[in-house]
């Protein structure tokens, strides 16, 4: 399925202003425990509305910590985090999340797994019975979009790994969040399935743009999907590089075999290689 990009959404040119930012980190630090070391330090960045951003870096650099800070699952030790015009002071309800493991409940069908958030989280829980038909229709439409039409009544053990991850992404989007946070969502899949799901995610985002923050070790994945890629340092994590991906949209997989794409991946790899060497020393 080819991506149809909303004409109002363009690859960002330069970091947005304070007024244009959907996510803003202002000199953010996070310390775990009582010691003096920081997990992340002095992170400042701005992501514009509808931007697709990727965070890359060596293991343990604070990529997942960045997700927790953005969503309010962890509070900053110092600094300010603003999402959608409000300072983050606790868990956000405007966020959908998906992880490397699909974590579908084995006793629920695909459809019921996708509906789970609407059943248990307010403000949807209190209206679930009254609006169930509407919510079921929304979930079915999402499943159809990702190629799971006809699998609504299957259980997780009847689905492949790629199918389970598609259902997981649907579950993360069923409440129509303004922000989708993805933590290595395709890392456990084979290369062909992974690239298929890149295109699924590309099309979901292009058809109804929302903000995405993708944490990944896969530099090709980051370059293919993102508007902007951020490279983090070793712990304590800092932003070492902001790389705009100036490849035109919509992007097909063929672009991953072109010289401009290879140059972007090589530049990111060189930066992370330098981080690893610095870490080893």
C-alpha atoms as a PDB file:
ATOM      1  CA  UNK A   1       0.000   0.000   0.000  1.00  0.00           C
ATOM      2  CA  UNK A   2       1.571   3.277  -1.085  1.00  0.00           C
ATOM      3  CA  UNK A   3       1.735   6.103   1.395  1.00  0.00           C
ATOM      4  CA  UNK A   4      -0.439   9.128   0.680  1.00  0.00           C
ATOM      5  CA  UNK A   5       1.185  11.962   2.564  1.00  0.00           C
ATOM      6  CA  UNK A   6      -0.973  14.762   3.887  1.00  0.00           C
ATOM      7  CA  UNK A   7       0.193  17.773   1.807  1.00  0.00           C
ATOM      8  CA  UNK A   8       0.328  19.927   4.926  1.00  0.00           C
ATOM      9  CA  UNK A   9       2.971  17.663   6.472  1.00  0.00           C
ATOM     10  CA  UNK A  10       6.500  18.260   5.249  1.00  0.00           C
ATOM     11  CA  UNK A  11       9.911  17.158   6.395  1.00  0.00           C
ATOM     12  CA  UNK A  12      10.979  19.670   9.076  1.00  0.00           C
ATOM     13  CA  UNK A  13      13.537  22.283   8.097  1.00  0.00           C
ATOM     14  CA  UNK A  14      15.401  23.307  11.211  1.00  0.00           C
ATOM     15  CA  UNK A  15      14.306  22.931  14.816  1.00  0.00           C
ATOM     16  CA  UNK A  16      10.876  24.496  15.459  1.00  0.00           C
ATOM     17  CA  UNK A  17      10.375  27.595  17.562  1.00  0.00           C
ATOM     18  CA  UNK A  18       9.047  27.388  21.104  1.00  0.00           C
ATOM     19  CA  UNK A  19       5.565  28.294  19.856  1.00  0.00           C
ATOM     20  CA  UNK A  20       5.607  25.610  17.144  1.00  0.00           C
ATOM     21  CA  UNK A  21       6.908  22.781  19.346  1.00  0.00           C
ATOM     22  CA  UNK A  22       4.644  19.867  20.285  1.00  0.00           C
ATOM     23  CA  UNK A  23       7.322  18.271  22.509  1.00  0.00           C
ATOM     24  CA  UNK A  24       9.944  20.423  24.205  1.00  0.00           C
ATOM     25  CA  UNK A  25      12.720  19.395  26.587  1.00  0.00           C
ATOM     26  CA  UNK A  26      14.376  22.289  28.412  1.00  0.00           C
ATOM     27  CA  UNK A  27      17.697  21.302  30.047  1.00  0.00           C
ATOM     28  CA  UNK A  28      16.317  18.020  31.371  1.00  0.00           C
ATOM     29  CA  UNK A  29      18.246  15.786  33.793  1.00  0.00           C
ATOM     30  CA  UNK A  30      17.186  12.517  35.413  1.00  0.00           C
ATOM     31  CA  UNK A  31      18.914  10.791  38.308  1.00  0.00           C
ATOM     32  CA  UNK A  32      17.975   7.275  39.409  1.00  0.00           C
ATOM     33  CA  UNK A  33      18.369   6.470  43.087  1.00  0.00           C
ATOM     34  CA  UNK A  34      20.417   8.432  45.577  1.00  0.00           C
ATOM     35  CA  UNK A  35      23.815   8.430  43.848  1.00  0.00           C
ATOM     36  CA  UNK A  36      25.250  11.410  41.997  1.00  0.00           C
ATOM     37  CA  UNK A  37      25.126   9.926  38.501  1.00  0.00           C
ATOM     38  CA  UNK A  38      22.524  10.915  35.928  1.00  0.00           C
ATOM     39  CA  UNK A  39      20.775   8.613  33.460  1.00  0.00           C
ATOM     40  CA  UNK A  40      20.303  11.554  31.079  1.00  0.00           C
ATOM     41  CA  UNK A  41      21.650  15.057  31.367  1.00  0.00           C
ATOM     42  CA  UNK A  42      21.019  18.451  29.839  1.00  0.00           C
ATOM     43  CA  UNK A  43      18.646  17.292  27.110  1.00  0.00           C
ATOM     44  CA  UNK A  44      17.146  20.164  25.165  1.00  0.00           C
ATOM     45  CA  UNK A  45      15.145  19.628  21.981  1.00  0.00           C
ATOM     46  CA  UNK A  46      11.940  20.598  20.242  1.00  0.00           C
ATOM     47  CA  UNK A  47       9.730  18.409  18.052  1.00  0.00           C
ATOM     48  CA  UNK A  48       7.098  20.105  15.917  1.00  0.00           C
ATOM     49  CA  UNK A  49       3.500  18.937  15.693  1.00  0.00           C
ATOM     50  CA  UNK A  50       3.100  15.788  13.535  1.00  0.00           C
ATOM     51  CA  UNK A  51       6.863  15.228  13.421  1.00  0.00           C
ATOM     52  CA  UNK A  52       8.202  11.672  13.169  1.00  0.00           C
ATOM     53  CA  UNK A  53      11.379  11.529  15.264  1.00  0.00           C
ATOM     54  CA  UNK A  54      13.753   8.633  15.897  1.00  0.00           C
ATOM     55  CA  UNK A  55      16.154   8.237  18.821  1.00  0.00           C
ATOM     56  CA  UNK A  56      19.255   6.098  18.251  1.00  0.00           C
ATOM     57  CA  UNK A  57      22.386   5.367  20.235  1.00  0.00           C
ATOM     58  CA  UNK A  58      24.317   2.612  22.024  1.00  0.00           C
ATOM     59  CA  UNK A  59      22.613   0.322  24.525  1.00  0.00           C
ATOM     60  CA  UNK A  60      22.170   1.921  27.917  1.00  0.00           C
ATOM     61  CA  UNK A  61      22.397   5.490  26.634  1.00  0.00           C
ATOM     62  CA  UNK A  62      18.970   6.537  27.909  1.00  0.00           C
ATOM     63  CA  UNK A  63      16.714   6.071  24.872  1.00  0.00           C
ATOM     64  CA  UNK A  64      14.002   4.295  26.865  1.00  0.00           C
ATOM     65  CA  UNK A  65      14.454   6.788  29.694  1.00  0.00           C
ATOM     66  CA  UNK A  66      13.690   9.534  27.184  1.00  0.00           C
ATOM     67  CA  UNK A  67      10.376   7.768  26.449  1.00  0.00           C
ATOM     68  CA  UNK A  68       9.490   7.569  30.135  1.00  0.00           C
ATOM     69  CA  UNK A  69      10.233  11.239  30.621  1.00  0.00           C
ATOM     70  CA  UNK A  70       8.182  12.270  27.593  1.00  0.00           C
ATOM     71  CA  UNK A  71       5.141  10.256  28.666  1.00  0.00           C
ATOM     72  CA  UNK A  72       5.314  11.288  32.318  1.00  0.00           C
ATOM     73  CA  UNK A  73       6.127   7.797  33.590  1.00  0.00           C
ATOM     74  CA  UNK A  74       9.269   9.324  35.117  1.00  0.00           C
ATOM     75  CA  UNK A  75       9.606  12.836  36.442  1.00  0.00           C
ATOM     76  CA  UNK A  76      12.677  14.894  35.599  1.00  0.00           C
ATOM     77  CA  UNK A  77      15.163  15.593  38.386  1.00  0.00           C
ATOM     78  CA  UNK A  78      15.852  18.974  36.787  1.00  0.00           C
ATOM     79  CA  UNK A  79      14.485  20.845  33.822  1.00  0.00           C
ATOM     80  CA  UNK A  80      11.100  21.133  32.144  1.00  0.00           C
ATOM     81  CA  UNK A  81       9.226  18.918  29.690  1.00  0.00           C
ATOM     82  CA  UNK A  82       6.280  20.352  27.748  1.00  0.00           C
ATOM     83  CA  UNK A  83       3.972  18.239  25.598  1.00  0.00           C
ATOM     84  CA  UNK A  84       1.080  19.730  23.633  1.00  0.00           C
ATOM     85  CA  UNK A  85       1.436  23.048  25.406  1.00  0.00           C
ATOM     86  CA  UNK A  86       1.384  21.671  28.957  1.00  0.00           C
ATOM     87  CA  UNK A  87       4.165  20.863  31.376  1.00  0.00           C
ATOM     88  CA  UNK A  88       4.386  17.134  32.019  1.00  0.00           C
ATOM     89  CA  UNK A  89       3.545  16.432  35.659  1.00  0.00           C
ATOM     90  CA  UNK A  90       2.377  12.814  35.457  1.00  0.00           C
ATOM     91  CA  UNK A  91       1.363  10.068  33.017  1.00  0.00           C
ATOM     92  CA  UNK A  92      -0.163  11.479  29.828  1.00  0.00           C
ATOM     93  CA  UNK A  93      -3.462  10.221  28.406  1.00  0.00           C
ATOM     94  CA  UNK A  94      -2.731  11.461  24.885  1.00  0.00           C
ATOM     95  CA  UNK A  95      -0.050   8.787  24.340  1.00  0.00           C
ATOM     96  CA  UNK A  96      -0.106   5.366  22.698  1.00  0.00           C
ATOM     97  CA  UNK A  97       2.803   2.983  23.286  1.00  0.00           C
ATOM     98  CA  UNK A  98       4.112  -0.173  21.637  1.00  0.00           C
ATOM     99  CA  UNK A  99       7.172  -2.220  22.550  1.00  0.00           C
ATOM    100  CA  UNK A 100       9.443  -4.930  21.164  1.00  0.00           C
ATOM    101  CA  UNK A 101       7.190  -7.621  22.611  1.00  0.00           C
ATOM    102  CA  UNK A 102       3.578  -7.324  21.505  1.00  0.00           C
ATOM    103  CA  UNK A 103       2.345  -8.407  24.991  1.00  0.00           C
ATOM    104  CA  UNK A 104      -1.087  -9.412  23.727  1.00  0.00           C
ATOM    105  CA  UNK A 105      -3.239 -11.153  26.342  1.00  0.00           C
ATOM    106  CA  UNK A 106      -3.408 -14.815  25.276  1.00  0.00           C
ATOM    107  CA  UNK A 107      -7.026 -15.317  26.424  1.00  0.00           C
ATOM    108  CA  UNK A 108      -8.341 -12.400  24.343  1.00  0.00           C
ATOM    109  CA  UNK A 109      -8.965 -12.345  20.613  1.00  0.00           C
ATOM    110  CA  UNK A 110      -7.134  -9.923  18.329  1.00  0.00           C
ATOM    111  CA  UNK A 111     -10.121  -7.569  18.345  1.00  0.00           C
ATOM    112  CA  UNK A 112     -10.516  -7.727  22.117  1.00  0.00           C
ATOM    113  CA  UNK A 113      -6.786  -7.065  22.595  1.00  0.00           C
ATOM    114  CA  UNK A 114      -7.053  -3.938  20.465  1.00  0.00           C
ATOM    115  CA  UNK A 115     -10.111  -2.767  22.444  1.00  0.00           C
ATOM    116  CA  UNK A 116      -8.413  -3.333  25.806  1.00  0.00           C
ATOM    117  CA  UNK A 117      -7.331   0.263  26.416  1.00  0.00           C
ATOM    118  CA  UNK A 118     -10.833   1.555  25.724  1.00  0.00           C
ATOM    119  CA  UNK A 119     -12.238  -0.911  28.242  1.00  0.00           C
ATOM    120  CA  UNK A 120      -9.976  -0.090  31.161  1.00  0.00           C
ATOM    121  CA  UNK A 121      -8.742   3.522  30.811  1.00  0.00           C
ATOM    122  CA  UNK A 122     -10.761   6.647  31.383  1.00  0.00           C
ATOM    123  CA  UNK A 123     -12.403   8.552  29.832  1.00  0.00           C
ATOM    124  CA  UNK A 124     -13.271   5.604  27.544  1.00  0.00           C
ATOM    125  CA  UNK A 125     -14.036   3.079  30.278  1.00  0.00           C
ATOM    126  CA  UNK A 126     -17.111   4.918  31.536  1.00  0.00           C
ATOM    127  CA  UNK A 127     -18.628   5.073  28.045  1.00  0.00           C
ATOM    128  CA  UNK A 128     -17.465   1.717  26.715  1.00  0.00           C
ATOM    129  CA  UNK A 129     -20.827  -0.051  26.980  1.00  0.00           C
ATOM    130  CA  UNK A 130     -22.719   2.801  25.374  1.00  0.00           C
ATOM    131  CA  UNK A 131     -20.166   3.333  22.597  1.00  0.00           C
ATOM    132  CA  UNK A 132     -19.004  -0.241  22.138  1.00  0.00           C
ATOM    133  CA  UNK A 133     -20.328  -0.506  18.574  1.00  0.00           C
ATOM    134  CA  UNK A 134     -18.450   2.674  17.630  1.00  0.00           C
ATOM    135  CA  UNK A 135     -15.252   1.462  19.282  1.00  0.00           C
ATOM    136  CA  UNK A 136     -15.490  -1.976  17.658  1.00  0.00           C
ATOM    137  CA  UNK A 137     -15.926  -0.335  14.264  1.00  0.00           C
ATOM    138  CA  UNK A 138     -12.849   1.827  14.924  1.00  0.00           C
ATOM    139  CA  UNK A 139     -10.778  -1.200  15.970  1.00  0.00           C
ATOM    140  CA  UNK A 140     -11.887  -3.225  12.945  1.00  0.00           C
ATOM    141  CA  UNK A 141     -10.972  -0.353  10.638  1.00  0.00           C
ATOM    142  CA  UNK A 142      -7.486  -0.187  12.159  1.00  0.00           C
ATOM    143  CA  UNK A 143      -7.006  -3.944  11.824  1.00  0.00           C
ATOM    144  CA  UNK A 144      -8.063  -3.756   8.184  1.00  0.00           C
ATOM    145  CA  UNK A 145      -5.608  -0.924   7.566  1.00  0.00           C
ATOM    146  CA  UNK A 146      -2.694  -3.036   8.828  1.00  0.00           C
ATOM    147  CA  UNK A 147      -3.731  -6.133   6.898  1.00  0.00           C
ATOM    148  CA  UNK A 148      -5.437  -8.077   9.695  1.00  0.00           C
ATOM    149  CA  UNK A 149      -8.909  -8.102   8.209  1.00  0.00           C
ATOM    150  CA  UNK A 150     -10.318 -11.578   8.883  1.00  0.00           C
ATOM    151  CA  UNK A 151      -8.100 -12.178  11.924  1.00  0.00           C
ATOM    152  CA  UNK A 152     -10.261 -10.313  14.439  1.00  0.00           C
ATOM    153  CA  UNK A 153     -11.401 -13.503  16.164  1.00  0.00           C
ATOM    154  CA  UNK A 154      -8.000 -15.207  16.226  1.00  0.00           C
ATOM    155  CA  UNK A 155      -6.005 -15.562  19.433  1.00  0.00           C
ATOM    156  CA  UNK A 156      -2.384 -14.392  19.759  1.00  0.00           C
ATOM    157  CA  UNK A 157      -1.017 -17.935  19.518  1.00  0.00           C
ATOM    158  CA  UNK A 158      -2.716 -18.217  16.128  1.00  0.00           C
ATOM    159  CA  UNK A 159      -0.858 -15.168  14.766  1.00  0.00           C
ATOM    160  CA  UNK A 160       2.700 -14.791  13.497  1.00  0.00           C
ATOM    161  CA  UNK A 161       5.080 -12.434  15.266  1.00  0.00           C
ATOM    162  CA  UNK A 162       4.513  -9.782  12.614  1.00  0.00           C
ATOM    163  CA  UNK A 163       0.741 -10.099  12.947  1.00  0.00           C
ATOM    164  CA  UNK A 164       0.978  -9.763  16.719  1.00  0.00           C
ATOM    165  CA  UNK A 165       3.017  -6.594  16.346  1.00  0.00           C
ATOM    166  CA  UNK A 166       0.474  -5.148  13.896  1.00  0.00           C
ATOM    167  CA  UNK A 167      -2.238  -5.805  16.472  1.00  0.00           C
ATOM    168  CA  UNK A 168      -0.073  -4.183  19.155  1.00  0.00           C
ATOM    169  CA  UNK A 169       0.267  -1.018  17.055  1.00  0.00           C
ATOM    170  CA  UNK A 170      -3.510  -0.983  16.514  1.00  0.00           C
ATOM    171  CA  UNK A 171      -4.002  -1.237  20.288  1.00  0.00           C
ATOM    172  CA  UNK A 172      -1.661   1.733  20.739  1.00  0.00           C
ATOM    173  CA  UNK A 173      -3.653   3.804  18.237  1.00  0.00           C
ATOM    174  CA  UNK A 174      -7.246   2.790  18.953  1.00  0.00           C
ATOM    175  CA  UNK A 175      -7.841   5.723  21.323  1.00  0.00           C
ATOM    176  CA  UNK A 176      -6.552   8.122  18.639  1.00  0.00           C
ATOM    177  CA  UNK A 177      -3.551   9.471  20.571  1.00  0.00           C
ATOM    178  CA  UNK A 178      -1.734  12.643  19.614  1.00  0.00           C
ATOM    179  CA  UNK A 179       1.610  10.951  20.364  1.00  0.00           C
ATOM    180  CA  UNK A 180       2.790   7.413  19.558  1.00  0.00           C
ATOM    181  CA  UNK A 181       5.849   6.149  21.440  1.00  0.00           C
ATOM    182  CA  UNK A 182       7.576   3.091  19.972  1.00  0.00           C
ATOM    183  CA  UNK A 183      10.355   1.248  21.821  1.00  0.00           C
ATOM    184  CA  UNK A 184      12.138  -1.140  19.423  1.00  0.00           C
ATOM    185  CA  UNK A 185       8.766  -2.328  18.061  1.00  0.00           C
ATOM    186  CA  UNK A 186      10.232  -4.380  15.206  1.00  0.00           C
ATOM    187  CA  UNK A 187      13.482  -5.520  16.808  1.00  0.00           C
ATOM    188  CA  UNK A 188      12.431  -9.149  17.314  1.00  0.00           C
ATOM    189  CA  UNK A 189      11.183  -9.675  13.754  1.00  0.00           C
ATOM    190  CA  UNK A 190      12.936 -11.020  10.676  1.00  0.00           C
ATOM    191  CA  UNK A 191      14.201  -8.525   8.090  1.00  0.00           C
ATOM    192  CA  UNK A 192      11.370  -9.012   5.594  1.00  0.00           C
ATOM    193  CA  UNK A 193       8.616  -8.697   8.202  1.00  0.00           C
ATOM    194  CA  UNK A 194      10.374  -5.699   9.720  1.00  0.00           C
ATOM    195  CA  UNK A 195      10.396  -3.861   6.386  1.00  0.00           C
ATOM    196  CA  UNK A 196       6.729  -4.732   5.821  1.00  0.00           C
ATOM    197  CA  UNK A 197       5.869  -3.133   9.136  1.00  0.00           C
ATOM    198  CA  UNK A 198       7.931  -0.050   8.337  1.00  0.00           C
ATOM    199  CA  UNK A 199       5.544   0.472   5.437  1.00  0.00           C
ATOM    200  CA  UNK A 200       2.493  -0.228   7.609  1.00  0.00           C
ATOM    201  CA  UNK A 201       3.623   2.395  10.124  1.00  0.00           C
ATOM    202  CA  UNK A 202       4.515   4.833   7.332  1.00  0.00           C
ATOM    203  CA  UNK A 203       1.013   4.542   5.887  1.00  0.00           C
ATOM    204  CA  UNK A 204      -0.750   4.838   9.250  1.00  0.00           C
ATOM    205  CA  UNK A 205       1.158   8.025  10.011  1.00  0.00           C
ATOM    206  CA  UNK A 206       0.745   9.491   6.530  1.00  0.00           C
ATOM    207  CA  UNK A 207      -2.993   8.832   6.446  1.00  0.00           C
ATOM    208  CA  UNK A 208      -3.695  10.549   9.787  1.00  0.00           C
ATOM    209  CA  UNK A 209      -0.549  12.331  11.000  1.00  0.00           C
ATOM    210  CA  UNK A 210       0.320  12.306  14.689  1.00  0.00           C
ATOM    211  CA  UNK A 211       3.583  12.736  16.543  1.00  0.00           C
ATOM    212  CA  UNK A 212       5.806   9.667  16.667  1.00  0.00           C
ATOM    213  CA  UNK A 213       8.930   9.040  18.737  1.00  0.00           C
ATOM    214  CA  UNK A 214      10.659   5.834  17.656  1.00  0.00           C
ATOM    215  CA  UNK A 215      13.444   4.351  19.791  1.00  0.00           C
ATOM    216  CA  UNK A 216      15.498   1.951  17.687  1.00  0.00           C
ATOM    217  CA  UNK A 217      18.934   0.398  17.177  1.00  0.00           C
ATOM    218  CA  UNK A 218      18.233   0.003  13.450  1.00  0.00           C
ATOM    219  CA  UNK A 219      19.716   2.963  11.608  1.00  0.00           C
ATOM    220  CA  UNK A 220      18.028   1.982   8.325  1.00  0.00           C
ATOM    221  CA  UNK A 221      14.696   1.942  10.130  1.00  0.00           C
ATOM    222  CA  UNK A 222      15.334   5.385  11.583  1.00  0.00           C
ATOM    223  CA  UNK A 223      16.407   6.864   8.251  1.00  0.00           C
ATOM    224  CA  UNK A 224      13.480   5.342   6.348  1.00  0.00           C
ATOM    225  CA  UNK A 225      10.722   6.373   8.751  1.00  0.00           C
ATOM    226  CA  UNK A 226      11.800   9.567  10.465  1.00  0.00           C
ATOM    227  CA  UNK A 227      11.818  13.243   9.654  1.00  0.00           C
ATOM    228  CA  UNK A 228      14.550  13.791  12.232  1.00  0.00           C
ATOM    229  CA  UNK A 229      17.008  11.410  13.910  1.00  0.00           C
ATOM    230  CA  UNK A 230      18.629  12.181  17.255  1.00  0.00           C
ATOM    231  CA  UNK A 231      21.840  10.407  18.273  1.00  0.00           C
ATOM    232  CA  UNK A 232      22.396   9.986  22.008  1.00  0.00           C
ATOM    233  CA  UNK A 233      25.690   9.660  23.843  1.00  0.00           C
ATOM    234  CA  UNK A 234      26.747   7.003  26.306  1.00  0.00           C
ATOM    235  CA  UNK A 235      25.305   7.264  29.829  1.00  0.00           C
ATOM    236  CA  UNK A 236      24.599   9.845  31.019  1.00  0.00           C
ATOM    237  CA  UNK A 237      22.607  10.278  27.825  1.00  0.00           C
ATOM    238  CA  UNK A 238      22.890  13.557  25.961  1.00  0.00           C
ATOM    239  CA  UNK A 239      21.845  14.567  22.461  1.00  0.00           C
ATOM    240  CA  UNK A 240      25.022  14.565  20.359  1.00  0.00           C
ATOM    241  CA  UNK A 241      23.515  15.002  16.923  1.00  0.00           C
ATOM    242  CA  UNK A 242      20.295  16.115  15.266  1.00  0.00           C
ATOM    243  CA  UNK A 243      20.045  14.811  11.703  1.00  0.00           C
ATOM    244  CA  UNK A 244      17.240  15.898   9.404  1.00  0.00           C
ATOM    245  CA  UNK A 245      16.303  13.233   6.864  1.00  0.00           C
ATOM    246  CA  UNK A 246      15.848  15.187   3.654  1.00  0.00           C
ATOM    247  CA  UNK A 247      14.551  12.269   1.597  1.00  0.00           C
ATOM    248  CA  UNK A 248      11.255  13.199  -0.089  1.00  0.00           C
ATOM    249  CA  UNK A 249       7.998  11.603   0.991  1.00  0.00           C
ATOM    250  CA  UNK A 250       6.251   9.291   0.360  1.00  0.00           C
ATOM    251  CA  UNK A 251       9.193   6.885   0.703  1.00  0.00           C
ATOM    252  CA  UNK A 252       9.161   3.403  -0.777  1.00  0.00           C
ATOM    253  CA  UNK A 253      11.579   0.642   0.183  1.00  0.00           C
ATOM    254  CA  UNK A 254      13.496   1.238  -3.051  1.00  0.00           C
ATOM    255  CA  UNK A 255      14.899   4.415  -1.481  1.00  0.00           C
ATOM    256  CA  UNK A 256      16.882   2.246   0.965  1.00  0.00           C
ATOM    257  CA  UNK A 257      19.057   1.085  -1.954  1.00  0.00           C
ATOM    258  CA  UNK A 258      19.958   4.583  -3.124  1.00  0.00           C
ATOM    259  CA  UNK A 259      23.214   6.432  -2.509  1.00  0.00           C
ATOM    260  CA  UNK A 260      21.628   9.349  -0.578  1.00  0.00           C
ATOM    261  CA  UNK A 261      20.004   6.888   1.832  1.00  0.00           C
ATOM    262  CA  UNK A 262      23.267   4.977   2.301  1.00  0.00           C
ATOM    263  CA  UNK A 263      25.093   8.230   3.005  1.00  0.00           C
ATOM    264  CA  UNK A 264      22.612   9.118   5.761  1.00  0.00           C
ATOM    265  CA  UNK A 265      22.943   5.689   7.381  1.00  0.00           C
ATOM    266  CA  UNK A 266      26.728   5.862   7.122  1.00  0.00           C
ATOM    267  CA  UNK A 267      26.776   9.297   8.791  1.00  0.00           C
ATOM    268  CA  UNK A 268      24.632   8.017  11.663  1.00  0.00           C
ATOM    269  CA  UNK A 269      26.768   4.887  12.005  1.00  0.00           C
ATOM    270  CA  UNK A 270      29.964   6.960  12.104  1.00  0.00           C
ATOM    271  CA  UNK A 271      28.557   9.119  14.888  1.00  0.00           C
ATOM    272  CA  UNK A 272      27.478   6.115  16.967  1.00  0.00           C
ATOM    273  CA  UNK A 273      30.817   4.440  16.271  1.00  0.00           C
ATOM    274  CA  UNK A 274      32.545   7.485  17.692  1.00  0.00           C
ATOM    275  CA  UNK A 275      30.306   7.271  20.762  1.00  0.00           C
ATOM    276  CA  UNK A 276      31.212   3.587  21.236  1.00  0.00           C
ATOM    277  CA  UNK A 277      34.929   4.305  20.900  1.00  0.00           C
ATOM    278  CA  UNK A 278      34.666   7.121  23.417  1.00  0.00           C
ATOM    279  CA  UNK A 279      32.745   4.795  25.758  1.00  0.00           C
ATOM    280  CA  UNK A 280      35.404   2.079  25.436  1.00  0.00           C
ATOM    281  CA  UNK A 281      38.150   4.525  26.300  1.00  0.00           C
END
